[in-house]
Protein backbone atom coordinates (compact mmCIF):
# COMPACT_ATOMS: atom_id res chain seq x y z
CA MET A 1 -44.31 -127.41 101.65
CA LYS A 2 -43.13 -124.90 104.23
CA ILE A 3 -44.59 -121.39 104.09
CA LEU A 4 -43.49 -118.47 106.16
CA MET A 5 -46.01 -115.72 106.90
CA VAL A 6 -44.59 -112.38 107.98
CA LEU A 7 -46.68 -109.89 109.95
CA THR A 8 -46.06 -106.35 111.20
CA SER A 9 -45.18 -105.44 114.77
CA HIS A 10 -46.15 -101.73 114.28
CA ASP A 11 -49.35 -100.57 115.98
CA GLU A 12 -49.37 -96.74 115.73
CA LEU A 13 -51.26 -95.10 112.89
CA GLY A 14 -48.88 -92.22 112.27
CA ASN A 15 -49.55 -89.39 114.77
CA THR A 16 -53.33 -89.88 114.76
CA GLY A 17 -53.36 -91.59 118.16
CA LYS A 18 -55.20 -94.47 116.55
CA LYS A 19 -54.05 -98.03 116.34
CA THR A 20 -53.10 -100.07 113.29
CA GLY A 21 -51.37 -103.43 112.65
CA PHE A 22 -52.05 -106.29 110.28
CA TRP A 23 -55.45 -106.78 108.56
CA LEU A 24 -57.20 -109.84 109.90
CA GLU A 25 -58.71 -111.12 106.58
CA GLU A 26 -55.32 -110.93 104.92
CA PHE A 27 -53.89 -113.24 107.53
CA ALA A 28 -56.76 -115.57 108.17
CA ALA A 29 -57.79 -116.33 104.56
CA PRO A 30 -54.27 -117.24 103.36
CA TYR A 31 -53.50 -119.11 106.58
CA TYR A 32 -56.41 -121.48 106.16
CA ALA A 33 -55.75 -121.79 102.42
CA PHE A 34 -52.21 -122.89 103.17
CA LEU A 35 -53.30 -125.36 105.86
CA LYS A 36 -55.92 -126.84 103.42
CA ALA A 37 -53.09 -127.22 100.87
CA GLY A 38 -51.16 -129.33 103.45
CA ALA A 39 -48.55 -126.64 104.15
CA ASP A 40 -46.50 -126.36 107.28
CA VAL A 41 -46.97 -122.66 108.23
CA THR A 42 -44.70 -120.61 110.39
CA VAL A 43 -45.66 -117.04 111.39
CA ALA A 44 -43.02 -114.39 112.12
CA SER A 45 -42.90 -110.72 113.04
CA PRO A 46 -40.10 -108.21 113.79
CA LYS A 47 -40.65 -108.30 117.48
CA GLY A 48 -42.00 -111.82 117.83
CA GLY A 49 -44.88 -112.76 120.06
CA GLN A 50 -48.32 -111.30 119.58
CA PRO A 51 -48.48 -108.99 116.49
CA PRO A 52 -50.92 -106.02 116.63
CA LEU A 53 -54.26 -106.48 114.98
CA ASP A 54 -55.72 -103.44 113.16
CA PRO A 55 -58.92 -103.12 115.33
CA LYS A 56 -60.89 -101.93 112.38
CA SER A 57 -60.29 -105.24 110.57
CA ASP A 58 -62.15 -107.09 113.35
CA GLU A 59 -65.27 -104.91 113.07
CA PRO A 60 -68.56 -106.56 111.93
CA ASP A 61 -68.46 -104.89 108.48
CA PHE A 62 -65.11 -106.57 107.68
CA GLN A 63 -65.84 -110.09 108.85
CA THR A 64 -65.54 -113.00 106.43
CA ALA A 65 -65.98 -116.73 106.84
CA GLU A 66 -62.26 -117.04 107.41
CA THR A 67 -62.08 -114.27 110.09
CA ARG A 68 -65.01 -115.81 111.95
CA ARG A 69 -63.32 -119.18 111.74
CA PHE A 70 -60.13 -117.65 113.16
CA ASN A 71 -61.96 -115.92 115.99
CA ALA A 72 -63.32 -119.34 117.03
CA ASP A 73 -60.05 -121.21 116.55
CA ALA A 74 -57.98 -121.45 119.70
CA ALA A 75 -55.15 -123.26 117.95
CA ALA A 76 -54.77 -120.57 115.25
CA GLN A 77 -54.85 -117.84 117.92
CA LYS A 78 -52.08 -119.61 119.79
CA VAL A 79 -49.98 -119.67 116.59
CA LEU A 80 -50.56 -115.97 116.14
CA SER A 81 -49.74 -115.05 119.71
CA ASN A 82 -46.38 -116.86 119.46
CA THR A 83 -44.85 -115.50 116.26
CA VAL A 84 -41.16 -116.12 115.88
CA GLN A 85 -38.79 -113.15 115.78
CA LEU A 86 -38.01 -112.28 112.18
CA SER A 87 -34.31 -111.92 112.84
CA THR A 88 -34.06 -115.59 113.68
CA VAL A 89 -35.69 -116.76 110.39
CA ARG A 90 -33.53 -118.45 107.70
CA GLU A 91 -34.48 -118.54 104.00
CA SER A 92 -33.24 -122.12 103.81
CA ASP A 93 -36.00 -123.31 106.14
CA PHE A 94 -38.85 -122.34 103.84
CA ASP A 95 -40.22 -122.90 100.37
CA ALA A 96 -42.07 -119.57 100.08
CA VAL A 97 -42.96 -116.43 102.02
CA PHE A 98 -46.29 -114.59 102.21
CA TYR A 99 -46.80 -111.11 103.60
CA PRO A 100 -50.28 -110.05 104.72
CA GLY A 101 -50.95 -106.30 104.73
CA GLY A 102 -52.65 -103.84 106.93
CA HIS A 103 -51.06 -100.39 107.32
CA GLY A 104 -48.46 -101.46 109.87
CA PRO A 105 -46.00 -102.92 107.38
CA LEU A 106 -45.50 -99.47 105.75
CA TRP A 107 -43.81 -98.31 108.96
CA ASP A 108 -41.78 -101.30 110.11
CA LEU A 109 -41.36 -104.09 107.53
CA ALA A 110 -40.69 -101.64 104.71
CA GLU A 111 -37.57 -100.51 106.58
CA ASP A 112 -36.61 -103.74 108.37
CA LYS A 113 -33.19 -105.08 107.26
CA HIS A 114 -34.11 -108.62 108.19
CA SER A 115 -37.28 -108.43 106.09
CA ILE A 116 -35.42 -106.88 103.18
CA GLY A 117 -32.65 -109.51 103.41
CA LEU A 118 -35.12 -112.37 103.72
CA ILE A 119 -37.06 -111.34 100.63
CA GLU A 120 -33.84 -110.81 98.63
CA SER A 121 -32.43 -114.24 99.64
CA MET A 122 -35.76 -116.08 98.99
CA TYR A 123 -36.00 -114.56 95.58
CA ALA A 124 -32.31 -115.31 94.76
CA ALA A 125 -32.87 -118.91 95.82
CA GLY A 126 -35.75 -119.29 93.27
CA LYS A 127 -38.49 -119.32 95.84
CA PRO A 128 -41.83 -117.58 95.35
CA ILE A 129 -42.59 -114.42 97.34
CA ALA A 130 -46.14 -113.08 97.82
CA PHE A 131 -47.56 -109.87 99.17
CA VAL A 132 -51.16 -108.62 99.43
CA CYS A 133 -52.77 -105.14 99.77
CA HIS A 134 -50.30 -102.83 101.64
CA ALA A 135 -47.69 -105.60 101.90
CA PRO A 136 -46.17 -104.89 98.47
CA GLY A 137 -45.04 -101.68 100.15
CA VAL A 138 -42.39 -103.75 101.96
CA LEU A 139 -40.63 -104.14 98.64
CA CYS A 140 -39.57 -100.43 98.57
CA HIS A 141 -35.94 -101.11 99.42
CA VAL A 142 -35.67 -104.65 98.08
CA LYS A 143 -33.07 -105.11 95.34
CA SER A 144 -32.48 -107.75 92.67
CA ALA A 145 -29.04 -109.39 92.34
CA ASP A 146 -28.08 -106.66 89.87
CA GLY A 147 -28.76 -103.96 92.39
CA LYS A 148 -31.91 -102.65 90.75
CA PRO A 149 -35.26 -102.47 92.58
CA LEU A 150 -36.77 -105.89 92.65
CA VAL A 151 -40.06 -104.69 91.19
CA ALA A 152 -38.42 -102.86 88.25
CA GLY A 153 -39.80 -104.13 84.98
CA LYS A 154 -42.05 -106.64 86.74
CA LYS A 155 -45.88 -106.85 86.77
CA VAL A 156 -47.20 -105.88 90.17
CA THR A 157 -50.27 -104.56 91.97
CA GLY A 158 -51.06 -103.36 95.43
CA PHE A 159 -53.37 -101.13 97.41
CA THR A 160 -54.42 -98.34 95.02
CA ASN A 161 -54.27 -94.62 95.58
CA SER A 162 -58.04 -94.40 95.29
CA GLU A 163 -58.53 -97.14 97.91
CA GLU A 164 -56.22 -95.29 100.24
CA ASP A 165 -58.17 -92.13 99.64
CA ALA A 166 -61.44 -94.00 100.37
CA VAL A 167 -60.18 -94.98 103.81
CA GLY A 168 -58.98 -91.43 104.49
CA LEU A 169 -55.32 -92.22 105.10
CA THR A 170 -53.63 -90.70 102.04
CA ASN A 171 -51.93 -88.04 104.13
CA ILE A 172 -51.22 -90.36 107.10
CA VAL A 173 -49.27 -93.21 105.61
CA PRO A 174 -45.48 -92.89 105.02
CA PHE A 175 -46.02 -93.50 101.31
CA LEU A 176 -48.64 -94.68 98.86
CA VAL A 177 -48.16 -98.24 97.69
CA GLU A 178 -49.26 -97.59 94.10
CA ASP A 179 -47.01 -94.53 93.76
CA MET A 180 -44.03 -96.46 95.26
CA LEU A 181 -44.38 -99.44 92.97
CA LYS A 182 -44.55 -97.16 89.94
CA SER A 183 -41.63 -95.07 91.03
CA GLU A 184 -39.43 -98.15 91.52
CA GLY A 185 -40.17 -99.23 87.93
CA GLY A 186 -42.88 -101.70 88.60
CA LEU A 187 -45.35 -102.45 85.77
CA TYR A 188 -48.33 -101.59 87.99
CA SER A 189 -51.88 -102.55 87.16
CA LYS A 190 -55.17 -102.61 89.01
CA VAL A 191 -58.88 -103.27 88.71
CA ASP A 192 -61.81 -101.40 90.24
CA ASP A 193 -61.51 -100.59 93.95
CA TRP A 194 -62.15 -103.49 96.35
CA GLN A 195 -62.34 -106.13 93.59
CA SER A 196 -60.15 -109.22 93.86
CA TYR A 197 -56.99 -109.01 91.72
CA ALA A 198 -53.74 -110.93 91.89
CA VAL A 199 -50.76 -110.55 89.56
CA GLN A 200 -47.88 -112.93 89.01
CA ASP A 201 -44.54 -112.28 87.40
CA GLY A 202 -42.36 -115.29 87.85
CA LEU A 203 -41.60 -115.77 91.49
CA LEU A 204 -43.24 -112.37 92.48
CA ILE A 205 -46.86 -112.50 93.40
CA THR A 206 -48.90 -109.46 94.47
CA GLY A 207 -52.58 -108.78 95.35
CA GLN A 208 -54.42 -105.52 95.32
CA ASN A 209 -56.52 -105.33 98.47
CA PRO A 210 -57.97 -107.40 101.33
CA GLY A 211 -60.41 -109.13 99.03
CA SER A 212 -57.48 -110.33 96.94
CA SER A 213 -56.08 -112.39 99.83
CA VAL A 214 -57.55 -115.69 98.76
CA ALA A 215 -56.54 -115.23 95.09
CA THR A 216 -52.99 -114.24 96.03
CA ALA A 217 -52.58 -117.24 98.34
CA GLY A 218 -54.04 -119.45 95.58
CA VAL A 219 -51.48 -118.27 93.07
CA LEU A 220 -48.69 -119.03 95.57
CA ILE A 221 -50.02 -122.52 96.26
CA SER A 222 -50.22 -123.26 92.53
CA THR A 223 -46.71 -122.01 92.02
CA LEU A 224 -45.40 -124.31 94.72
CA ASP A 225 -47.41 -127.18 93.39
CA ALA A 226 -45.98 -126.68 89.88
CA ALA A 227 -42.45 -126.43 91.26
CA SER A 228 -42.90 -129.64 93.13
CA LYS A 229 -43.92 -131.46 89.97
CA ALA A 230 -41.17 -130.04 87.75
C-alpha cells in the first residue's frame, strides 16, 4: 500500500504580512495512521524540500497527541524536510493520494497543473483520492473524464464558511471552500463547526476541518483495504 501525501509550498497569507502553510494536525494525524496501517508513505510538495508550516497550527491550543508525537519524531521531521517535487511524481507509483489542508493550498495547489493532472489521473485509474479541511479547495479546476468538474454530483465536504469566518479569514482567502464546492456542483454537506466529519462518494473522500483528519485518513485506509481484498 503506497500512499502519496501532497503538501503546499505557499507561505504567504494573502497581503496580510502573516505566514501560512499546511496545518500540522492534518499532516501528522493521517501520516501516523497510514504508518500504523503498514503503508509506504511518500510526501510531495510543488517546490520540494521543506514545506511551510502554518505557525498557528503549532501553537499550544492546537496541539494533539499526533502533533506532539511528530514534534518529538526526528525521522518524521526528516521525511517532511525532504519532500519530493510534485512535478516528478507519477500516478502509477501510488495506490492513493491524500491532501492535508491549511490555507496554503488555496493559493498554490488549487492552481498547480501538476496537482490537477495527478488528481485527474489517479481518479481515472480507479484510485482513491482524499482531501481534508481546506484541501478540497484544490479540486476547483479538476475535471472528470467527461470534462465536467470532478465534484459535480458527488457528495463532498470541506472547511465551512462559518469556520472560515470564525478564524477571521473570509476576506483574505482566494475563495471559500464551501462556496467553491457548491458552485462546481458538489453535493455539499457539513456538521457543526469543528466537529469531525468525513464524506465518501466512491473514490472521492473529503473531510470538513482539522478535527476530521483521523476520520478522513481512516476512510481512505478502509477503502484501500477493501480494494486489496476484492
